[in-house]
Amino acid sequence: MASLMPLGRRFGALSAFLFGFFSIFLYDAVTHFGSWTWIAGLTYGAIGALSVLYFKNVKTSALSFALFAALATIVYDIITGVLFAPMFHQTMATALVLQIPFTLLHLAGNIGFALTLSPILHHWFFAEKTIKTTRSVTRTVFAK
């Protein structure tokens, strides 16, 4: 989440969606691929794309990164941990109760990284030297 928000702000909704989707997909492909991979990947990709819309209307700051991370984490955990619980032979009520401690830890990590790492990555992505380097690499790759 901490890298998804500034990446989406810099490179757009498609890049943010692909980064979110493939971060889940590739991790699960190496560890344990399953039906949840599609749910989690598509949800995380959608959150990446939505982050672009959010930051078009909100000034970027550590606080705005933290707020988006908190809201997105809750949405992600409700979708992936509660709404799809019946698919894994669990009731939504049980999943909701069991999801609470995980979501609290998930929030702590995502908010912490959003407050610290996201502003650093945002600054790096928007630094003039980085933009020039990205443009020259793009021109070099597509010129060949």
N, C-alpha and C. Protein backbone atom coordinates (compact mmCIF):
# COMPACT_ATOMS: atom_id res chain seq x y z
N MET A 1 0.82 -1.19 0.00
CA MET A 1 0.00 0.00 0.00
C MET A 1 0.87 1.25 0.00
N ALA A 2 1.94 1.22 0.76
CA ALA A 2 2.80 2.41 0.87
C ALA A 2 3.43 2.77 -0.47
N SER A 3 3.73 1.79 -1.28
CA SER A 3 4.32 2.07 -2.60
C SER A 3 3.25 2.24 -3.66
N LEU A 4 2.11 1.61 -3.46
CA LEU A 4 1.02 1.66 -4.44
C LEU A 4 0.49 3.08 -4.64
N MET A 5 0.33 3.81 -3.55
CA MET A 5 -0.25 5.16 -3.64
C MET A 5 0.64 6.14 -4.41
N PRO A 6 1.92 6.29 -4.05
CA PRO A 6 2.74 7.23 -4.82
C PRO A 6 3.00 6.75 -6.25
N LEU A 7 3.09 5.44 -6.44
CA LEU A 7 3.28 4.91 -7.79
C LEU A 7 2.08 5.26 -8.66
N GLY A 8 0.89 5.08 -8.14
CA GLY A 8 -0.31 5.43 -8.90
C GLY A 8 -0.40 6.91 -9.18
N ARG A 9 -0.03 7.71 -8.20
CA ARG A 9 -0.05 9.17 -8.38
C ARG A 9 0.89 9.59 -9.50
N ARG A 10 2.02 8.92 -9.60
CA ARG A 10 3.04 9.29 -10.60
C ARG A 10 2.76 8.68 -11.97
N PHE A 11 2.35 7.41 -12.02
CA PHE A 11 2.27 6.70 -13.29
C PHE A 11 0.86 6.38 -13.76
N GLY A 12 -0.16 6.68 -12.98
CA GLY A 12 -1.53 6.53 -13.43
C GLY A 12 -2.24 5.27 -12.95
N ALA A 13 -3.54 5.24 -13.26
CA ALA A 13 -4.43 4.19 -12.76
C ALA A 13 -4.08 2.81 -13.29
N LEU A 14 -3.74 2.70 -14.56
CA LEU A 14 -3.41 1.38 -15.12
C LEU A 14 -2.17 0.81 -14.45
N SER A 15 -1.16 1.63 -14.28
CA SER A 15 0.07 1.17 -13.62
C SER A 15 -0.21 0.75 -12.18
N ALA A 16 -1.03 1.53 -11.49
CA ALA A 16 -1.37 1.20 -10.10
C ALA A 16 -2.17 -0.09 -10.04
N PHE A 17 -3.11 -0.27 -10.96
CA PHE A 17 -3.88 -1.52 -10.98
C PHE A 17 -2.96 -2.71 -11.23
N LEU A 18 -2.12 -2.59 -12.24
CA LEU A 18 -1.22 -3.71 -12.57
C LEU A 18 -0.25 -4.02 -11.44
N PHE A 19 0.28 -2.97 -10.81
CA PHE A 19 1.19 -3.17 -9.69
C PHE A 19 0.48 -3.90 -8.55
N GLY A 20 -0.73 -3.45 -8.21
CA GLY A 20 -1.49 -4.09 -7.15
C GLY A 20 -1.83 -5.53 -7.48
N PHE A 21 -2.35 -5.75 -8.67
CA PHE A 21 -2.74 -7.10 -9.08
C PHE A 21 -1.54 -8.05 -9.11
N PHE A 22 -0.48 -7.63 -9.78
CA PHE A 22 0.66 -8.53 -9.92
C PHE A 22 1.47 -8.71 -8.64
N SER A 23 1.39 -7.78 -7.71
CA SER A 23 2.07 -7.99 -6.43
C SER A 23 1.42 -9.16 -5.69
N ILE A 24 0.12 -9.28 -5.77
CA ILE A 24 -0.59 -10.43 -5.15
C ILE A 24 -0.38 -11.68 -5.99
N PHE A 25 -0.58 -11.56 -7.28
CA PHE A 25 -0.51 -12.71 -8.19
C PHE A 25 0.86 -13.37 -8.15
N LEU A 26 1.92 -12.58 -8.27
CA LEU A 26 3.27 -13.16 -8.30
C LEU A 26 3.67 -13.74 -6.94
N TYR A 27 3.28 -13.07 -5.86
CA TYR A 27 3.57 -13.62 -4.53
C TYR A 27 2.88 -14.97 -4.35
N ASP A 28 1.60 -15.04 -4.72
CA ASP A 28 0.87 -16.30 -4.58
C ASP A 28 1.38 -17.37 -5.54
N ALA A 29 1.84 -16.98 -6.70
CA ALA A 29 2.39 -17.95 -7.65
C ALA A 29 3.64 -18.63 -7.07
N VAL A 30 4.39 -17.89 -6.28
CA VAL A 30 5.60 -18.45 -5.66
C VAL A 30 5.27 -19.22 -4.37
N THR A 31 4.30 -18.74 -3.61
CA THR A 31 4.00 -19.36 -2.32
C THR A 31 2.88 -20.39 -2.43
N HIS A 32 1.69 -19.96 -2.73
CA HIS A 32 0.57 -20.90 -2.85
C HIS A 32 -0.57 -20.21 -3.61
N PHE A 33 -0.71 -20.56 -4.85
CA PHE A 33 -1.71 -19.99 -5.73
C PHE A 33 -3.06 -20.64 -5.44
N GLY A 34 -4.13 -19.85 -5.41
CA GLY A 34 -5.46 -20.40 -5.20
C GLY A 34 -6.52 -19.46 -5.71
N SER A 35 -7.77 -19.83 -5.47
CA SER A 35 -8.88 -19.00 -5.94
C SER A 35 -8.87 -17.63 -5.28
N TRP A 36 -8.35 -17.54 -4.06
CA TRP A 36 -8.26 -16.25 -3.37
C TRP A 36 -7.31 -15.29 -4.08
N THR A 37 -6.38 -15.83 -4.86
CA THR A 37 -5.43 -15.00 -5.58
C THR A 37 -6.15 -14.02 -6.50
N TRP A 38 -7.17 -14.50 -7.19
CA TRP A 38 -7.92 -13.65 -8.11
C TRP A 38 -8.70 -12.59 -7.35
N ILE A 39 -9.32 -12.98 -6.26
CA ILE A 39 -10.10 -12.03 -5.45
C ILE A 39 -9.19 -10.96 -4.88
N ALA A 40 -8.12 -11.39 -4.24
CA ALA A 40 -7.20 -10.45 -3.60
C ALA A 40 -6.49 -9.58 -4.65
N GLY A 41 -6.07 -10.19 -5.75
CA GLY A 41 -5.37 -9.45 -6.79
C GLY A 41 -6.24 -8.39 -7.45
N LEU A 42 -7.44 -8.77 -7.81
CA LEU A 42 -8.35 -7.80 -8.44
C LEU A 42 -8.76 -6.70 -7.46
N THR A 43 -8.97 -7.06 -6.21
CA THR A 43 -9.34 -6.06 -5.20
C THR A 43 -8.19 -5.08 -4.97
N TYR A 44 -6.98 -5.61 -4.83
CA TYR A 44 -5.83 -4.74 -4.59
C TYR A 44 -5.52 -3.88 -5.81
N GLY A 45 -5.70 -4.45 -6.99
CA GLY A 45 -5.53 -3.66 -8.22
C GLY A 45 -6.54 -2.53 -8.30
N ALA A 46 -7.79 -2.83 -7.95
CA ALA A 46 -8.84 -1.79 -7.97
C ALA A 46 -8.52 -0.69 -6.96
N ILE A 47 -8.00 -1.07 -5.80
CA ILE A 47 -7.63 -0.07 -4.80
C ILE A 47 -6.51 0.81 -5.34
N GLY A 48 -5.58 0.22 -6.06
CA GLY A 48 -4.51 1.01 -6.68
C GLY A 48 -5.08 2.02 -7.66
N ALA A 49 -6.00 1.59 -8.49
CA ALA A 49 -6.62 2.50 -9.46
C ALA A 49 -7.42 3.59 -8.74
N LEU A 50 -8.11 3.23 -7.68
CA LEU A 50 -8.89 4.22 -6.92
C LEU A 50 -7.99 5.23 -6.21
N SER A 51 -6.78 4.81 -5.86
CA SER A 51 -5.87 5.75 -5.20
C SER A 51 -5.55 6.93 -6.13
N VAL A 52 -5.51 6.67 -7.42
CA VAL A 52 -5.24 7.74 -8.38
C VAL A 52 -6.37 8.77 -8.34
N LEU A 53 -7.61 8.30 -8.31
CA LEU A 53 -8.75 9.21 -8.23
C LEU A 53 -8.74 10.00 -6.92
N TYR A 54 -8.42 9.32 -5.83
CA TYR A 54 -8.37 9.97 -4.53
C TYR A 54 -7.35 11.10 -4.52
N PHE A 55 -6.16 10.84 -5.04
CA PHE A 55 -5.09 11.84 -4.97
C PHE A 55 -5.21 12.92 -6.04
N LYS A 56 -6.15 12.78 -6.97
CA LYS A 56 -6.43 13.88 -7.90
C LYS A 56 -7.17 15.01 -7.18
N ASN A 57 -7.90 14.65 -6.13
CA ASN A 57 -8.72 15.61 -5.41
C ASN A 57 -8.19 15.98 -4.03
N VAL A 58 -7.11 15.32 -3.61
CA VAL A 58 -6.58 15.53 -2.27
C VAL A 58 -5.10 15.88 -2.37
N LYS A 59 -4.68 16.85 -1.59
CA LYS A 59 -3.26 17.23 -1.57
C LYS A 59 -2.45 16.08 -0.96
N THR A 60 -1.34 15.75 -1.60
CA THR A 60 -0.53 14.66 -1.07
C THR A 60 0.25 15.12 0.15
N SER A 61 0.13 14.32 1.19
CA SER A 61 0.86 14.55 2.44
C SER A 61 0.90 13.23 3.17
N ALA A 62 1.70 13.17 4.19
CA ALA A 62 1.77 11.95 4.99
C ALA A 62 0.39 11.61 5.56
N LEU A 63 -0.33 12.63 5.98
CA LEU A 63 -1.66 12.40 6.54
C LEU A 63 -2.64 11.88 5.49
N SER A 64 -2.60 12.42 4.28
CA SER A 64 -3.50 11.94 3.24
C SER A 64 -3.14 10.51 2.82
N PHE A 65 -1.85 10.18 2.81
CA PHE A 65 -1.45 8.79 2.54
C PHE A 65 -1.99 7.87 3.62
N ALA A 66 -1.87 8.29 4.88
CA ALA A 66 -2.33 7.47 6.00
C ALA A 66 -3.85 7.29 5.97
N LEU A 67 -4.57 8.34 5.65
CA LEU A 67 -6.03 8.25 5.58
C LEU A 67 -6.46 7.29 4.48
N PHE A 68 -5.87 7.43 3.29
CA PHE A 68 -6.23 6.51 2.21
C PHE A 68 -5.85 5.08 2.58
N ALA A 69 -4.68 4.89 3.17
CA ALA A 69 -4.24 3.55 3.56
C ALA A 69 -5.22 2.92 4.56
N ALA A 70 -5.69 3.70 5.51
CA ALA A 70 -6.64 3.19 6.50
C ALA A 70 -7.95 2.77 5.84
N LEU A 71 -8.52 3.66 5.03
CA LEU A 71 -9.79 3.35 4.37
C LEU A 71 -9.64 2.17 3.41
N ALA A 72 -8.58 2.17 2.64
CA ALA A 72 -8.36 1.10 1.66
C ALA A 72 -8.12 -0.24 2.35
N THR A 73 -7.42 -0.23 3.47
CA THR A 73 -7.16 -1.47 4.21
C THR A 73 -8.47 -2.06 4.73
N ILE A 74 -9.32 -1.22 5.27
CA ILE A 74 -10.61 -1.70 5.78
C ILE A 74 -11.45 -2.28 4.63
N VAL A 75 -11.51 -1.57 3.52
CA VAL A 75 -12.27 -2.06 2.36
C VAL A 75 -11.69 -3.38 1.86
N TYR A 76 -10.37 -3.43 1.72
CA TYR A 76 -9.70 -4.64 1.24
C TYR A 76 -9.98 -5.82 2.17
N ASP A 77 -9.86 -5.61 3.47
CA ASP A 77 -10.06 -6.70 4.43
C ASP A 77 -11.53 -7.14 4.49
N ILE A 78 -12.45 -6.22 4.32
CA ILE A 78 -13.87 -6.61 4.29
C ILE A 78 -14.16 -7.46 3.05
N ILE A 79 -13.65 -7.02 1.91
CA ILE A 79 -13.90 -7.76 0.66
C ILE A 79 -13.22 -9.12 0.70
N THR A 80 -11.93 -9.14 0.98
CA THR A 80 -11.18 -10.40 0.89
C THR A 80 -11.36 -11.30 2.10
N GLY A 81 -11.62 -10.72 3.27
CA GLY A 81 -11.70 -11.53 4.48
C GLY A 81 -13.10 -11.86 4.94
N VAL A 82 -14.08 -11.04 4.57
CA VAL A 82 -15.43 -11.25 5.08
C VAL A 82 -16.40 -11.64 3.97
N LEU A 83 -16.47 -10.85 2.91
CA LEU A 83 -17.47 -11.11 1.87
C LEU A 83 -17.27 -12.44 1.15
N PHE A 84 -16.03 -12.87 1.03
CA PHE A 84 -15.78 -14.13 0.34
C PHE A 84 -15.60 -15.31 1.29
N ALA A 85 -15.89 -15.12 2.58
CA ALA A 85 -15.76 -16.20 3.57
C ALA A 85 -16.59 -17.44 3.22
N PRO A 86 -17.83 -17.28 2.74
CA PRO A 86 -18.60 -18.48 2.40
C PRO A 86 -17.93 -19.37 1.34
N MET A 87 -17.13 -18.77 0.51
CA MET A 87 -16.40 -19.53 -0.51
C MET A 87 -15.43 -20.53 0.15
N PHE A 88 -15.06 -20.24 1.39
CA PHE A 88 -14.13 -21.10 2.12
C PHE A 88 -14.83 -21.79 3.30
N HIS A 89 -16.14 -21.99 3.16
CA HIS A 89 -16.97 -22.72 4.12
C HIS A 89 -16.94 -22.08 5.51
N GLN A 90 -17.08 -20.77 5.54
CA GLN A 90 -17.10 -20.03 6.79
C GLN A 90 -18.23 -19.00 6.71
N THR A 91 -18.89 -18.76 7.81
CA THR A 91 -19.94 -17.75 7.78
C THR A 91 -19.31 -16.36 7.80
N MET A 92 -20.05 -15.39 7.26
CA MET A 92 -19.54 -14.02 7.25
C MET A 92 -19.42 -13.47 8.67
N ALA A 93 -20.35 -13.86 9.55
CA ALA A 93 -20.30 -13.38 10.93
C ALA A 93 -19.03 -13.89 11.63
N THR A 94 -18.71 -15.15 11.46
CA THR A 94 -17.48 -15.71 12.04
C THR A 94 -16.26 -15.04 11.44
N ALA A 95 -16.27 -14.87 10.13
CA ALA A 95 -15.14 -14.24 9.45
C ALA A 95 -14.94 -12.81 9.94
N LEU A 96 -16.03 -12.08 10.15
CA LEU A 96 -15.93 -10.71 10.63
C LEU A 96 -15.27 -10.65 12.00
N VAL A 97 -15.71 -11.50 12.90
CA VAL A 97 -15.13 -11.52 14.25
C VAL A 97 -13.65 -11.90 14.20
N LEU A 98 -13.32 -12.90 13.41
CA LEU A 98 -11.93 -13.35 13.30
C LEU A 98 -11.06 -12.36 12.53
N GLN A 99 -11.68 -11.54 11.70
CA GLN A 99 -10.95 -10.58 10.88
C GLN A 99 -10.48 -9.37 11.70
N ILE A 100 -11.16 -9.06 12.78
CA ILE A 100 -10.87 -7.85 13.55
C ILE A 100 -9.40 -7.77 14.01
N PRO A 101 -8.83 -8.79 14.68
CA PRO A 101 -7.43 -8.65 15.10
C PRO A 101 -6.47 -8.53 13.91
N PHE A 102 -6.75 -9.27 12.84
CA PHE A 102 -5.90 -9.18 11.66
C PHE A 102 -5.96 -7.79 11.06
N THR A 103 -7.16 -7.24 10.94
CA THR A 103 -7.31 -5.91 10.35
C THR A 103 -6.65 -4.85 11.21
N LEU A 104 -6.71 -4.98 12.52
CA LEU A 104 -6.01 -4.02 13.39
C LEU A 104 -4.50 -4.04 13.13
N LEU A 105 -3.94 -5.22 13.00
CA LEU A 105 -2.50 -5.33 12.67
C LEU A 105 -2.22 -4.81 11.27
N HIS A 106 -3.10 -5.13 10.35
CA HIS A 106 -2.97 -4.68 8.96
C HIS A 106 -3.01 -3.15 8.90
N LEU A 107 -3.93 -2.55 9.66
CA LEU A 107 -4.02 -1.09 9.73
C LEU A 107 -2.76 -0.47 10.32
N ALA A 108 -2.27 -1.04 11.39
CA ALA A 108 -1.06 -0.50 12.03
C ALA A 108 0.11 -0.49 11.06
N GLY A 109 0.30 -1.58 10.36
CA GLY A 109 1.40 -1.65 9.40
C GLY A 109 1.21 -0.70 8.23
N ASN A 110 0.03 -0.71 7.64
CA ASN A 110 -0.21 0.14 6.47
C ASN A 110 -0.18 1.63 6.81
N ILE A 111 -0.74 1.99 7.94
CA ILE A 111 -0.70 3.41 8.35
C ILE A 111 0.73 3.83 8.67
N GLY A 112 1.46 2.97 9.37
CA GLY A 112 2.86 3.28 9.69
C GLY A 112 3.70 3.49 8.44
N PHE A 113 3.56 2.59 7.48
CA PHE A 113 4.31 2.73 6.23
C PHE A 113 3.82 3.92 5.41
N ALA A 114 2.52 4.19 5.45
CA ALA A 114 1.98 5.34 4.71
C ALA A 114 2.51 6.65 5.27
N LEU A 115 2.70 6.72 6.57
CA LEU A 115 3.23 7.94 7.20
C LEU A 115 4.72 8.14 6.93
N THR A 116 5.44 7.04 6.75
CA THR A 116 6.90 7.14 6.62
C THR A 116 7.40 6.87 5.20
N LEU A 117 7.04 5.75 4.62
CA LEU A 117 7.58 5.34 3.33
C LEU A 117 6.91 6.03 2.14
N SER A 118 5.60 6.21 2.19
CA SER A 118 4.89 6.83 1.07
C SER A 118 5.41 8.23 0.73
N PRO A 119 5.61 9.11 1.72
CA PRO A 119 6.14 10.44 1.38
C PRO A 119 7.54 10.38 0.76
N ILE A 120 8.35 9.45 1.21
CA ILE A 120 9.71 9.30 0.64
C ILE A 120 9.61 8.84 -0.81
N LEU A 121 8.80 7.82 -1.06
CA LEU A 121 8.63 7.33 -2.44
C LEU A 121 8.01 8.40 -3.33
N HIS A 122 7.03 9.13 -2.78
CA HIS A 122 6.39 10.20 -3.56
C HIS A 122 7.42 11.25 -3.96
N HIS A 123 8.24 11.65 -3.02
CA HIS A 123 9.28 12.63 -3.32
C HIS A 123 10.24 12.08 -4.38
N TRP A 124 10.62 10.83 -4.25
CA TRP A 124 11.55 10.21 -5.20
C TRP A 124 10.92 10.11 -6.60
N PHE A 125 9.66 9.69 -6.67
CA PHE A 125 8.98 9.57 -7.96
C PHE A 125 8.82 10.91 -8.66
N PHE A 126 8.69 11.98 -7.89
CA PHE A 126 8.46 13.28 -8.48
C PHE A 126 9.70 14.17 -8.51
N ALA A 127 10.84 13.65 -8.09
CA ALA A 127 12.07 14.43 -8.16
C ALA A 127 12.43 14.65 -9.63
N GLU A 128 12.92 15.82 -9.95
CA GLU A 128 13.23 16.17 -11.35
C GLU A 128 14.22 15.19 -11.97
N LYS A 129 15.23 14.79 -11.23
CA LYS A 129 16.24 13.85 -11.76
C LYS A 129 15.58 12.51 -12.11
N THR A 130 14.69 12.04 -11.25
CA THR A 130 14.00 10.77 -11.50
C THR A 130 13.14 10.88 -12.75
N ILE A 131 12.44 11.99 -12.92
CA ILE A 131 11.58 12.16 -14.09
C ILE A 131 12.42 12.18 -15.36
N LYS A 132 13.54 12.88 -15.35
CA LYS A 132 14.41 12.91 -16.54
C LYS A 132 14.96 11.52 -16.83
N THR A 133 15.38 10.79 -15.80
CA THR A 133 15.92 9.45 -15.98
C THR A 133 14.85 8.53 -16.55
N THR A 134 13.63 8.60 -16.01
CA THR A 134 12.53 7.77 -16.50
C THR A 134 12.24 8.07 -17.96
N ARG A 135 12.23 9.34 -18.33
CA ARG A 135 11.97 9.71 -19.72
C ARG A 135 13.07 9.21 -20.65
N SER A 136 14.33 9.34 -20.23
CA SER A 136 15.43 8.91 -21.10
C SER A 136 15.44 7.38 -21.24
N VAL A 137 15.13 6.67 -20.17
CA VAL A 137 15.08 5.21 -20.25
C VAL A 137 13.93 4.80 -21.16
N THR A 138 12.79 5.46 -21.04
CA THR A 138 11.64 5.16 -21.89
C THR A 138 11.98 5.40 -23.36
N ARG A 139 12.62 6.55 -23.64
CA ARG A 139 12.99 6.84 -25.02
C ARG A 139 13.98 5.81 -25.55
N THR A 140 14.94 5.41 -24.73
CA THR A 140 15.96 4.44 -25.15
C THR A 140 15.32 3.09 -25.44
N VAL A 141 14.41 2.64 -24.57
CA VAL A 141 13.77 1.33 -24.73
C VAL A 141 12.91 1.32 -25.99
N PHE A 142 12.11 2.37 -26.19
CA PHE A 142 11.20 2.39 -27.32
C PHE A 142 11.88 2.79 -28.63
N ALA A 143 13.07 3.35 -28.57
CA ALA A 143 13.80 3.72 -29.78
C ALA A 143 14.40 2.48 -30.44
N LYS A 144 14.65 1.45 -29.66
CA LYS A 144 15.27 0.24 -30.20
C LYS A 144 14.25 -0.59 -30.83
